[in-house]
């Protein structure tokens, strides 16, 4: 069987990081070109015909929605059987989630990266890159293609973009699933009858959404400031999305959509009507099982379509 054509879209991250020879820490991300990463793993050529395009070369903490839109656009434009994206781990789950909500393709898209820089004594990037290419090539020839074709490959494990989350700041396998008790049944969006999709092809930027973290004695002015620089807010609340009465009083005067999520890593958020007051016609929505960073991705996309409270609630109920 002829080898599949795979495009590797490089964005930087630890996998492209450089530091002291042999050291696992103290490096600078996004220093090595994607073509050089591929050249360092010659076994890739045994599994696919690979070309590389450098989208950017940044620490993933510097990822932007403009880069997201560029990634999505290039995947639409390029002729290939599958795509692999090299990416920093810190925001990999957000990028994967964005792509899963904005790509209409049966071609596999697999993100990968590393926890150790390329200059480490035993870097994990080469094995992850090879594994991602092998997986993408296998998916490209499969007859039964999954509905959601965006994945994260890391440490010999494959994670669905809708549920993947970075769960460790230091382990060699940092990836896990958010809210692992959830079966994932009923996931996806159907807000326009088009399935799991937001059409962002014509956009050059996304609405601004900020996440505000609640803790004991957190100043409600944080909410007020966030509202002044945002088109929507996600609250990373305590417990099932709770926060103080002082925050509730501030929230009652905020006239932009607000999504209640939680800083807790397991369970579902319930909307506390006593705390979640809003001006007439302004949305207050539960994030359900979405962690704050993914709730922010979904809210940004949802706001490209509507600010209607009922429609926003429906979108999040189907996430």
C-alpha atoms as a PDB file:
ATOM      1  CA  UNK A   1       0.000   0.000   0.000  1.00  0.00           C
ATOM      2  CA  UNK A   2       1.313   3.438  -0.925  1.00  0.00           C
ATOM      3  CA  UNK A   3       2.383   5.623   1.964  1.00  0.00           C
ATOM      4  CA  UNK A   4       0.036   8.440   2.914  1.00  0.00           C
ATOM      5  CA  UNK A   5       0.917  12.118   2.557  1.00  0.00           C
ATOM      6  CA  UNK A   6       1.045  13.852   5.923  1.00  0.00           C
ATOM      7  CA  UNK A   7       1.636  17.549   6.583  1.00  0.00           C
ATOM      8  CA  UNK A   8       3.275  18.450   9.874  1.00  0.00           C
ATOM      9  CA  UNK A   9       2.291  21.917  11.043  1.00  0.00           C
ATOM     10  CA  UNK A  10       4.869  23.135  13.551  1.00  0.00           C
ATOM     11  CA  UNK A  11       3.992  25.729  16.192  1.00  0.00           C
ATOM     12  CA  UNK A  12       6.894  25.454  18.655  1.00  0.00           C
ATOM     13  CA  UNK A  13       6.605  24.340  22.269  1.00  0.00           C
ATOM     14  CA  UNK A  14       8.914  22.258  24.431  1.00  0.00           C
ATOM     15  CA  UNK A  15       9.374  19.722  21.646  1.00  0.00           C
ATOM     16  CA  UNK A  16      11.250  22.517  19.836  1.00  0.00           C
ATOM     17  CA  UNK A  17      12.938  23.748  23.001  1.00  0.00           C
ATOM     18  CA  UNK A  18      16.655  24.273  23.558  1.00  0.00           C
ATOM     19  CA  UNK A  19      18.550  24.403  26.830  1.00  0.00           C
ATOM     20  CA  UNK A  20      21.648  23.118  28.555  1.00  0.00           C
ATOM     21  CA  UNK A  21      22.743  19.836  26.987  1.00  0.00           C
ATOM     22  CA  UNK A  22      21.324  16.902  28.957  1.00  0.00           C
ATOM     23  CA  UNK A  23      19.049  19.015  31.197  1.00  0.00           C
ATOM     24  CA  UNK A  24      15.264  18.549  31.377  1.00  0.00           C
ATOM     25  CA  UNK A  25      14.522  22.042  32.707  1.00  0.00           C
ATOM     26  CA  UNK A  26      15.727  25.591  32.192  1.00  0.00           C
ATOM     27  CA  UNK A  27      15.152  25.560  28.440  1.00  0.00           C
ATOM     28  CA  UNK A  28      13.583  28.033  26.006  1.00  0.00           C
ATOM     29  CA  UNK A  29      10.603  26.735  24.028  1.00  0.00           C
ATOM     30  CA  UNK A  30      10.116  27.196  20.306  1.00  0.00           C
ATOM     31  CA  UNK A  31      13.725  27.375  19.111  1.00  0.00           C
ATOM     32  CA  UNK A  32      14.064  24.504  16.622  1.00  0.00           C
ATOM     33  CA  UNK A  33      12.355  24.481  13.242  1.00  0.00           C
ATOM     34  CA  UNK A  34       9.778  21.801  12.554  1.00  0.00           C
ATOM     35  CA  UNK A  35      11.778  20.540   9.563  1.00  0.00           C
ATOM     36  CA  UNK A  36      14.742  19.884  11.862  1.00  0.00           C
ATOM     37  CA  UNK A  37      12.527  18.011  14.334  1.00  0.00           C
ATOM     38  CA  UNK A  38      11.383  15.729  11.530  1.00  0.00           C
ATOM     39  CA  UNK A  39      14.914  15.278  10.186  1.00  0.00           C
ATOM     40  CA  UNK A  40      15.974  14.027  13.631  1.00  0.00           C
ATOM     41  CA  UNK A  41      13.484  11.125  13.376  1.00  0.00           C
ATOM     42  CA  UNK A  42      14.360   9.385  10.082  1.00  0.00           C
ATOM     43  CA  UNK A  43      12.014   6.466  10.891  1.00  0.00           C
ATOM     44  CA  UNK A  44       9.093   8.752  10.021  1.00  0.00           C
ATOM     45  CA  UNK A  45       9.848   8.153   6.334  1.00  0.00           C
ATOM     46  CA  UNK A  46       9.000   4.464   6.800  1.00  0.00           C
ATOM     47  CA  UNK A  47       5.372   5.333   7.551  1.00  0.00           C
ATOM     48  CA  UNK A  48       4.452   8.409   5.502  1.00  0.00           C
ATOM     49  CA  UNK A  49       5.521  10.972   2.974  1.00  0.00           C
ATOM     50  CA  UNK A  50       5.931  14.026   5.168  1.00  0.00           C
ATOM     51  CA  UNK A  51       6.143  17.730   4.443  1.00  0.00           C
ATOM     52  CA  UNK A  52       6.557  20.395   7.098  1.00  0.00           C
ATOM     53  CA  UNK A  53       5.106  23.881   7.372  1.00  0.00           C
ATOM     54  CA  UNK A  54       6.159  26.249  10.146  1.00  0.00           C
ATOM     55  CA  UNK A  55       3.062  28.089  11.355  1.00  0.00           C
ATOM     56  CA  UNK A  56       4.874  29.776  14.241  1.00  0.00           C
ATOM     57  CA  UNK A  57       7.560  28.913  16.797  1.00  0.00           C
ATOM     58  CA  UNK A  58       6.324  29.928  20.232  1.00  0.00           C
ATOM     59  CA  UNK A  59       5.866  28.755  23.773  1.00  0.00           C
ATOM     60  CA  UNK A  60       2.254  27.540  23.805  1.00  0.00           C
ATOM     61  CA  UNK A  61       1.478  30.083  26.538  1.00  0.00           C
ATOM     62  CA  UNK A  62       1.839  32.610  23.708  1.00  0.00           C
ATOM     63  CA  UNK A  63      -0.703  30.833  21.495  1.00  0.00           C
ATOM     64  CA  UNK A  64      -3.384  33.186  20.129  1.00  0.00           C
ATOM     65  CA  UNK A  65      -6.740  32.879  18.429  1.00  0.00           C
ATOM     66  CA  UNK A  66      -5.143  34.364  15.311  1.00  0.00           C
ATOM     67  CA  UNK A  67      -2.768  31.368  15.203  1.00  0.00           C
ATOM     68  CA  UNK A  68      -5.720  29.029  15.795  1.00  0.00           C
ATOM     69  CA  UNK A  69      -7.531  30.515  12.814  1.00  0.00           C
ATOM     70  CA  UNK A  70      -4.401  30.226  10.682  1.00  0.00           C
ATOM     71  CA  UNK A  71      -3.978  26.552  11.649  1.00  0.00           C
ATOM     72  CA  UNK A  72      -7.585  25.786  10.789  1.00  0.00           C
ATOM     73  CA  UNK A  73      -7.317  27.642   7.486  1.00  0.00           C
ATOM     74  CA  UNK A  74      -4.138  25.802   6.436  1.00  0.00           C
ATOM     75  CA  UNK A  75      -5.703  22.437   7.218  1.00  0.00           C
ATOM     76  CA  UNK A  76      -8.570  23.408   4.912  1.00  0.00           C
ATOM     77  CA  UNK A  77      -6.225  24.633   2.184  1.00  0.00           C
ATOM     78  CA  UNK A  78      -3.508  21.989   2.082  1.00  0.00           C
ATOM     79  CA  UNK A  79      -3.710  18.752   0.118  1.00  0.00           C
ATOM     80  CA  UNK A  80      -2.883  15.889   2.481  1.00  0.00           C
ATOM     81  CA  UNK A  81      -4.230  12.627   3.842  1.00  0.00           C
ATOM     82  CA  UNK A  82      -3.648  13.649   7.459  1.00  0.00           C
ATOM     83  CA  UNK A  83      -2.110  16.346   9.631  1.00  0.00           C
ATOM     84  CA  UNK A  84       0.158  16.331  12.681  1.00  0.00           C
ATOM     85  CA  UNK A  85       0.568  19.496  14.741  1.00  0.00           C
ATOM     86  CA  UNK A  86       3.563  19.955  17.044  1.00  0.00           C
ATOM     87  CA  UNK A  87       2.508  22.097  19.985  1.00  0.00           C
ATOM     88  CA  UNK A  88       3.445  23.025  23.534  1.00  0.00           C
ATOM     89  CA  UNK A  89       1.623  21.066  26.224  1.00  0.00           C
ATOM     90  CA  UNK A  90       0.416  24.009  28.325  1.00  0.00           C
ATOM     91  CA  UNK A  91      -2.419  25.009  25.988  1.00  0.00           C
ATOM     92  CA  UNK A  92      -2.550  21.936  23.747  1.00  0.00           C
ATOM     93  CA  UNK A  93      -5.978  20.977  25.099  1.00  0.00           C
ATOM     94  CA  UNK A  94      -7.386  24.389  24.151  1.00  0.00           C
ATOM     95  CA  UNK A  95      -6.023  24.278  20.600  1.00  0.00           C
ATOM     96  CA  UNK A  96      -7.254  20.710  20.119  1.00  0.00           C
ATOM     97  CA  UNK A  97     -10.710  21.653  21.390  1.00  0.00           C
ATOM     98  CA  UNK A  98     -10.898  24.706  19.117  1.00  0.00           C
ATOM     99  CA  UNK A  99      -9.965  22.634  16.067  1.00  0.00           C
ATOM    100  CA  UNK A 100     -12.478  19.916  16.977  1.00  0.00           C
ATOM    101  CA  UNK A 101     -15.244  22.547  16.946  1.00  0.00           C
ATOM    102  CA  UNK A 102     -14.241  24.332  13.747  1.00  0.00           C
ATOM    103  CA  UNK A 103     -12.998  21.668  11.310  1.00  0.00           C
ATOM    104  CA  UNK A 104     -15.279  19.764   8.957  1.00  0.00           C
ATOM    105  CA  UNK A 105     -12.911  17.063   7.734  1.00  0.00           C
ATOM    106  CA  UNK A 106     -12.602  13.296   7.724  1.00  0.00           C
ATOM    107  CA  UNK A 107      -8.819  13.658   7.646  1.00  0.00           C
ATOM    108  CA  UNK A 108      -7.149  12.908  10.981  1.00  0.00           C
ATOM    109  CA  UNK A 109      -5.598  15.836  12.814  1.00  0.00           C
ATOM    110  CA  UNK A 110      -3.279  14.815  15.644  1.00  0.00           C
ATOM    111  CA  UNK A 111      -1.500  17.143  18.057  1.00  0.00           C
ATOM    112  CA  UNK A 112       1.645  16.090  19.877  1.00  0.00           C
ATOM    113  CA  UNK A 113       4.533  17.591  21.806  1.00  0.00           C
ATOM    114  CA  UNK A 114       6.895  16.779  24.637  1.00  0.00           C
ATOM    115  CA  UNK A 115       7.684  17.450  28.268  1.00  0.00           C
ATOM    116  CA  UNK A 116      11.431  17.499  27.715  1.00  0.00           C
ATOM    117  CA  UNK A 117      13.313  19.791  25.333  1.00  0.00           C
ATOM    118  CA  UNK A 118      15.119  18.512  22.267  1.00  0.00           C
ATOM    119  CA  UNK A 119      18.446  19.008  24.076  1.00  0.00           C
ATOM    120  CA  UNK A 120      17.529  16.774  27.047  1.00  0.00           C
ATOM    121  CA  UNK A 121      19.505  13.610  27.699  1.00  0.00           C
ATOM    122  CA  UNK A 122      16.459  11.493  26.835  1.00  0.00           C
ATOM    123  CA  UNK A 123      13.978  13.736  24.996  1.00  0.00           C
ATOM    124  CA  UNK A 124      10.442  12.396  24.626  1.00  0.00           C
ATOM    125  CA  UNK A 125       9.643  14.495  21.567  1.00  0.00           C
ATOM    126  CA  UNK A 126      11.024  12.151  18.887  1.00  0.00           C
ATOM    127  CA  UNK A 127       8.968   9.155  20.101  1.00  0.00           C
ATOM    128  CA  UNK A 128       5.832  11.274  20.391  1.00  0.00           C
ATOM    129  CA  UNK A 129       6.309  12.717  16.908  1.00  0.00           C
ATOM    130  CA  UNK A 130       6.887   9.286  15.388  1.00  0.00           C
ATOM    131  CA  UNK A 131       3.867   7.885  17.211  1.00  0.00           C
ATOM    132  CA  UNK A 132       1.664  10.751  16.054  1.00  0.00           C
ATOM    133  CA  UNK A 133       2.713  10.238  12.415  1.00  0.00           C
ATOM    134  CA  UNK A 134       2.159   6.476  12.634  1.00  0.00           C
ATOM    135  CA  UNK A 135      -1.277   7.010  14.174  1.00  0.00           C
ATOM    136  CA  UNK A 136      -2.242   9.635  11.594  1.00  0.00           C
ATOM    137  CA  UNK A 137      -1.162   7.315   8.778  1.00  0.00           C
ATOM    138  CA  UNK A 138      -3.200   4.437  10.246  1.00  0.00           C
ATOM    139  CA  UNK A 139      -6.280   6.611  10.677  1.00  0.00           C
ATOM    140  CA  UNK A 140      -5.946   7.904   7.118  1.00  0.00           C
ATOM    141  CA  UNK A 141      -6.461   4.408   5.681  1.00  0.00           C
ATOM    142  CA  UNK A 142      -9.228   3.356   8.076  1.00  0.00           C
ATOM    143  CA  UNK A 143     -12.621   2.672   6.518  1.00  0.00           C
ATOM    144  CA  UNK A 144     -14.590   3.558   9.651  1.00  0.00           C
ATOM    145  CA  UNK A 145     -13.562   7.131  10.354  1.00  0.00           C
ATOM    146  CA  UNK A 146     -14.629   8.733  13.676  1.00  0.00           C
ATOM    147  CA  UNK A 147     -16.989  11.722  13.680  1.00  0.00           C
ATOM    148  CA  UNK A 148     -14.507  13.783  15.676  1.00  0.00           C
ATOM    149  CA  UNK A 149     -11.158  13.444  13.974  1.00  0.00           C
ATOM    150  CA  UNK A 150      -8.994  15.708  16.180  1.00  0.00           C
ATOM    151  CA  UNK A 151      -6.815  13.937  18.705  1.00  0.00           C
ATOM    152  CA  UNK A 152      -3.835  14.356  21.020  1.00  0.00           C
ATOM    153  CA  UNK A 153      -1.151  11.677  20.892  1.00  0.00           C
ATOM    154  CA  UNK A 154       1.191  11.618  23.845  1.00  0.00           C
ATOM    155  CA  UNK A 155       3.291   8.925  25.507  1.00  0.00           C
ATOM    156  CA  UNK A 156       1.777   6.006  23.561  1.00  0.00           C
ATOM    157  CA  UNK A 157      -1.762   7.158  24.418  1.00  0.00           C
ATOM    158  CA  UNK A 158      -4.439   8.767  22.273  1.00  0.00           C
ATOM    159  CA  UNK A 159      -6.881  11.325  23.663  1.00  0.00           C
ATOM    160  CA  UNK A 160     -10.085  12.755  22.195  1.00  0.00           C
ATOM    161  CA  UNK A 161      -9.748  16.516  21.699  1.00  0.00           C
ATOM    162  CA  UNK A 162     -13.097  17.117  23.412  1.00  0.00           C
ATOM    163  CA  UNK A 163     -11.966  15.567  26.703  1.00  0.00           C
ATOM    164  CA  UNK A 164      -8.174  15.832  26.835  1.00  0.00           C
ATOM    165  CA  UNK A 165      -6.622  18.018  29.515  1.00  0.00           C
ATOM    166  CA  UNK A 166      -3.112  18.595  30.788  1.00  0.00           C
ATOM    167  CA  UNK A 167      -3.344  17.087  34.252  1.00  0.00           C
ATOM    168  CA  UNK A 168       0.278  17.221  35.435  1.00  0.00           C
ATOM    169  CA  UNK A 169       2.791  20.045  35.354  1.00  0.00           C
ATOM    170  CA  UNK A 170       5.809  17.733  35.555  1.00  0.00           C
ATOM    171  CA  UNK A 171       5.043  14.072  34.766  1.00  0.00           C
ATOM    172  CA  UNK A 172       6.400  12.658  31.527  1.00  0.00           C
ATOM    173  CA  UNK A 173       2.800  11.762  30.654  1.00  0.00           C
ATOM    174  CA  UNK A 174       0.976  15.008  31.508  1.00  0.00           C
ATOM    175  CA  UNK A 175      -2.204  14.301  29.573  1.00  0.00           C
ATOM    176  CA  UNK A 176      -5.411  12.854  30.919  1.00  0.00           C
ATOM    177  CA  UNK A 177      -9.132  13.351  30.486  1.00  0.00           C
ATOM    178  CA  UNK A 178     -11.186  16.080  32.095  1.00  0.00           C
ATOM    179  CA  UNK A 179     -13.991  14.765  34.279  1.00  0.00           C
ATOM    180  CA  UNK A 180     -13.127  11.083  33.685  1.00  0.00           C
ATOM    181  CA  UNK A 181     -16.408   9.922  35.226  1.00  0.00           C
ATOM    182  CA  UNK A 182     -18.263  11.362  32.235  1.00  0.00           C
ATOM    183  CA  UNK A 183     -18.878   8.839  29.453  1.00  0.00           C
ATOM    184  CA  UNK A 184     -18.754  11.547  26.823  1.00  0.00           C
ATOM    185  CA  UNK A 185     -22.130  10.454  25.435  1.00  0.00           C
ATOM    186  CA  UNK A 186     -24.087  13.256  23.833  1.00  0.00           C
ATOM    187  CA  UNK A 187     -20.974  15.344  23.335  1.00  0.00           C
ATOM    188  CA  UNK A 188     -20.789  17.734  20.427  1.00  0.00           C
ATOM    189  CA  UNK A 189     -22.687  20.719  19.149  1.00  0.00           C
ATOM    190  CA  UNK A 190     -25.800  20.910  17.049  1.00  0.00           C
ATOM    191  CA  UNK A 191     -26.673  24.567  17.441  1.00  0.00           C
ATOM    192  CA  UNK A 192     -27.394  25.061  13.733  1.00  0.00           C
ATOM    193  CA  UNK A 193     -28.214  21.512  12.736  1.00  0.00           C
ATOM    194  CA  UNK A 194     -24.724  21.189  11.244  1.00  0.00           C
ATOM    195  CA  UNK A 195     -23.250  18.867  13.850  1.00  0.00           C
ATOM    196  CA  UNK A 196     -20.058  19.610  15.725  1.00  0.00           C
ATOM    197  CA  UNK A 197     -19.096  22.767  13.872  1.00  0.00           C
ATOM    198  CA  UNK A 198     -18.664  26.517  14.083  1.00  0.00           C
ATOM    199  CA  UNK A 199     -17.979  28.200  10.766  1.00  0.00           C
ATOM    200  CA  UNK A 200     -15.070  30.579  11.372  1.00  0.00           C
ATOM    201  CA  UNK A 201     -13.674  30.582   7.827  1.00  0.00           C
ATOM    202  CA  UNK A 202     -14.369  34.278   7.319  1.00  0.00           C
ATOM    203  CA  UNK A 203     -13.093  35.425  10.738  1.00  0.00           C
ATOM    204  CA  UNK A 204      -9.751  37.072  11.456  1.00  0.00           C
ATOM    205  CA  UNK A 205     -10.228  37.140  15.228  1.00  0.00           C
ATOM    206  CA  UNK A 206     -12.484  35.723  17.928  1.00  0.00           C
ATOM    207  CA  UNK A 207     -14.478  37.503  20.628  1.00  0.00           C
ATOM    208  CA  UNK A 208     -12.443  38.202  23.744  1.00  0.00           C
ATOM    209  CA  UNK A 209     -13.255  35.983  26.726  1.00  0.00           C
ATOM    210  CA  UNK A 210     -11.348  35.987  30.010  1.00  0.00           C
ATOM    211  CA  UNK A 211     -11.327  33.447  32.839  1.00  0.00           C
ATOM    212  CA  UNK A 212     -11.603  34.812  36.390  1.00  0.00           C
ATOM    213  CA  UNK A 213     -10.534  32.520  39.255  1.00  0.00           C
ATOM    214  CA  UNK A 214     -12.409  32.626  42.539  1.00  0.00           C
ATOM    215  CA  UNK A 215     -10.768  32.010  45.932  1.00  0.00           C
ATOM    216  CA  UNK A 216     -11.333  33.174  49.488  1.00  0.00           C
ATOM    217  CA  UNK A 217     -11.433  37.006  49.664  1.00  0.00           C
ATOM    218  CA  UNK A 218     -11.122  37.375  45.877  1.00  0.00           C
ATOM    219  CA  UNK A 219     -11.963  40.995  45.100  1.00  0.00           C
ATOM    220  CA  UNK A 220     -15.198  41.405  43.081  1.00  0.00           C
ATOM    221  CA  UNK A 221     -13.491  44.219  41.206  1.00  0.00           C
ATOM    222  CA  UNK A 222     -11.700  41.430  39.315  1.00  0.00           C
ATOM    223  CA  UNK A 223     -15.057  40.616  37.723  1.00  0.00           C
ATOM    224  CA  UNK A 224     -15.738  44.259  36.974  1.00  0.00           C
ATOM    225  CA  UNK A 225     -12.357  44.718  35.314  1.00  0.00           C
ATOM    226  CA  UNK A 226     -12.673  41.490  33.340  1.00  0.00           C
ATOM    227  CA  UNK A 227     -16.073  42.641  32.087  1.00  0.00           C
ATOM    228  CA  UNK A 228     -14.565  45.927  30.901  1.00  0.00           C
ATOM    229  CA  UNK A 229     -12.086  44.143  28.605  1.00  0.00           C
ATOM    230  CA  UNK A 230     -14.191  41.143  27.546  1.00  0.00           C
ATOM    231  CA  UNK A 231     -17.187  40.158  25.477  1.00  0.00           C
ATOM    232  CA  UNK A 232     -17.797  37.240  27.817  1.00  0.00           C
ATOM    233  CA  UNK A 233     -16.420  35.857  31.095  1.00  0.00           C
ATOM    234  CA  UNK A 234     -15.842  32.390  32.492  1.00  0.00           C
ATOM    235  CA  UNK A 235     -15.750  32.088  36.276  1.00  0.00           C
ATOM    236  CA  UNK A 236     -13.561  29.301  37.657  1.00  0.00           C
ATOM    237  CA  UNK A 237     -15.625  28.950  40.806  1.00  0.00           C
ATOM    238  CA  UNK A 238     -15.279  26.806  43.893  1.00  0.00           C
ATOM    239  CA  UNK A 239     -17.110  23.493  44.265  1.00  0.00           C
ATOM    240  CA  UNK A 240     -19.865  23.203  41.675  1.00  0.00           C
ATOM    241  CA  UNK A 241     -19.187  26.696  40.342  1.00  0.00           C
ATOM    242  CA  UNK A 242     -19.854  28.666  43.536  1.00  0.00           C
ATOM    243  CA  UNK A 243     -18.504  32.055  44.612  1.00  0.00           C
ATOM    244  CA  UNK A 244     -19.073  34.667  47.296  1.00  0.00           C
ATOM    245  CA  UNK A 245     -22.078  36.912  47.850  1.00  0.00           C
ATOM    246  CA  UNK A 246     -19.802  39.867  47.107  1.00  0.00           C
ATOM    247  CA  UNK A 247     -19.083  38.386  43.679  1.00  0.00           C
ATOM    248  CA  UNK A 248     -22.783  37.701  43.189  1.00  0.00           C
ATOM    249  CA  UNK A 249     -23.635  41.366  43.856  1.00  0.00           C
ATOM    250  CA  UNK A 250     -20.999  42.478  41.351  1.00  0.00           C
ATOM    251  CA  UNK A 251     -22.227  39.927  38.821  1.00  0.00           C
ATOM    252  CA  UNK A 252     -25.766  41.297  38.963  1.00  0.00           C
ATOM    253  CA  UNK A 253     -24.501  44.490  37.286  1.00  0.00           C
ATOM    254  CA  UNK A 254     -22.403  42.843  34.566  1.00  0.00           C
ATOM    255  CA  UNK A 255     -24.170  42.976  31.220  1.00  0.00           C
ATOM    256  CA  UNK A 256     -22.163  40.428  29.205  1.00  0.00           C
ATOM    257  CA  UNK A 257     -22.554  36.629  29.058  1.00  0.00           C
ATOM    258  CA  UNK A 258     -20.967  34.754  31.961  1.00  0.00           C
ATOM    259  CA  UNK A 259     -20.292  31.019  32.113  1.00  0.00           C
ATOM    260  CA  UNK A 260     -19.919  29.323  35.491  1.00  0.00           C
ATOM    261  CA  UNK A 261     -17.212  26.661  35.573  1.00  0.00           C
ATOM    262  CA  UNK A 262     -15.199  25.211  38.442  1.00  0.00           C
ATOM    263  CA  UNK A 263     -11.603  25.028  39.589  1.00  0.00           C
ATOM    264  CA  UNK A 264     -12.334  21.405  40.648  1.00  0.00           C
ATOM    265  CA  UNK A 265     -11.223  18.681  38.237  1.00  0.00           C
ATOM    266  CA  UNK A 266     -14.151  16.269  38.665  1.00  0.00           C
ATOM    267  CA  UNK A 267     -17.912  16.648  38.490  1.00  0.00           C
ATOM    268  CA  UNK A 268     -20.467  18.881  36.847  1.00  0.00           C
ATOM    269  CA  UNK A 269     -21.305  22.524  37.479  1.00  0.00           C
ATOM    270  CA  UNK A 270     -24.845  23.407  38.527  1.00  0.00           C
ATOM    271  CA  UNK A 271     -26.129  26.942  38.092  1.00  0.00           C
ATOM    272  CA  UNK A 272     -26.906  28.517  41.476  1.00  0.00           C
ATOM    273  CA  UNK A 273     -29.796  30.880  40.707  1.00  0.00           C
ATOM    274  CA  UNK A 274     -29.275  32.781  43.963  1.00  0.00           C
ATOM    275  CA  UNK A 275     -25.730  33.698  42.946  1.00  0.00           C
ATOM    276  CA  UNK A 276     -26.064  33.920  39.166  1.00  0.00           C
ATOM    277  CA  UNK A 277     -28.232  37.003  38.814  1.00  0.00           C
ATOM    278  CA  UNK A 278     -28.046  39.093  35.665  1.00  0.00           C
ATOM    279  CA  UNK A 279     -29.631  42.095  33.950  1.00  0.00           C
ATOM    280  CA  UNK A 280     -32.637  41.185  31.807  1.00  0.00           C
ATOM    281  CA  UNK A 281     -31.706  39.317  28.644  1.00  0.00           C
ATOM    282  CA  UNK A 282     -28.072  38.653  29.663  1.00  0.00           C
ATOM    283  CA  UNK A 283     -26.849  35.059  29.747  1.00  0.00           C
ATOM    284  CA  UNK A 284     -25.708  33.174  32.816  1.00  0.00           C
ATOM    285  CA  UNK A 285     -24.752  29.656  31.768  1.00  0.00           C
ATOM    286  CA  UNK A 286     -23.413  26.486  33.378  1.00  0.00           C
ATOM    287  CA  UNK A 287     -20.241  25.031  31.858  1.00  0.00           C
ATOM    288  CA  UNK A 288     -21.431  21.520  32.658  1.00  0.00           C
ATOM    289  CA  UNK A 289     -18.329  19.313  32.670  1.00  0.00           C
ATOM    290  CA  UNK A 290     -16.086  21.671  30.705  1.00  0.00           C
ATOM    291  CA  UNK A 291     -13.014  22.941  32.572  1.00  0.00           C
ATOM    292  CA  UNK A 292     -12.607  26.732  32.573  1.00  0.00           C
ATOM    293  CA  UNK A 293     -10.145  26.934  29.681  1.00  0.00           C
ATOM    294  CA  UNK A 294     -12.372  24.859  27.401  1.00  0.00           C
ATOM    295  CA  UNK A 295     -15.483  26.727  28.515  1.00  0.00           C
ATOM    296  CA  UNK A 296     -13.684  29.882  27.377  1.00  0.00           C
ATOM    297  CA  UNK A 297     -12.952  28.351  23.957  1.00  0.00           C
ATOM    298  CA  UNK A 298     -16.588  27.335  23.528  1.00  0.00           C
ATOM    299  CA  UNK A 299     -17.904  30.707  24.696  1.00  0.00           C
ATOM    300  CA  UNK A 300     -15.632  32.535  22.235  1.00  0.00           C
ATOM    301  CA  UNK A 301     -16.987  30.435  19.400  1.00  0.00           C
ATOM    302  CA  UNK A 302     -20.589  30.634  20.599  1.00  0.00           C
ATOM    303  CA  UNK A 303     -20.395  34.429  20.720  1.00  0.00           C
ATOM    304  CA  UNK A 304     -19.615  34.471  17.000  1.00  0.00           C
ATOM    305  CA  UNK A 305     -23.188  33.240  16.547  1.00  0.00           C
ATOM    306  CA  UNK A 306     -25.335  34.541  19.390  1.00  0.00           C
ATOM    307  CA  UNK A 307     -25.647  36.278  22.755  1.00  0.00           C
ATOM    308  CA  UNK A 308     -29.149  34.941  23.312  1.00  0.00           C
ATOM    309  CA  UNK A 309     -29.269  33.284  26.762  1.00  0.00           C
ATOM    310  CA  UNK A 310     -31.397  30.328  25.680  1.00  0.00           C
ATOM    311  CA  UNK A 311     -29.212  29.601  22.646  1.00  0.00           C
ATOM    312  CA  UNK A 312     -26.008  29.882  24.672  1.00  0.00           C
ATOM    313  CA  UNK A 313     -27.421  27.499  27.278  1.00  0.00           C
ATOM    314  CA  UNK A 314     -28.321  25.015  24.559  1.00  0.00           C
ATOM    315  CA  UNK A 315     -24.803  25.148  23.128  1.00  0.00           C
ATOM    316  CA  UNK A 316     -23.239  24.439  26.513  1.00  0.00           C
ATOM    317  CA  UNK A 317     -25.768  21.719  27.345  1.00  0.00           C
ATOM    318  CA  UNK A 318     -24.683  19.919  24.174  1.00  0.00           C
ATOM    319  CA  UNK A 319     -20.934  20.371  24.725  1.00  0.00           C
END
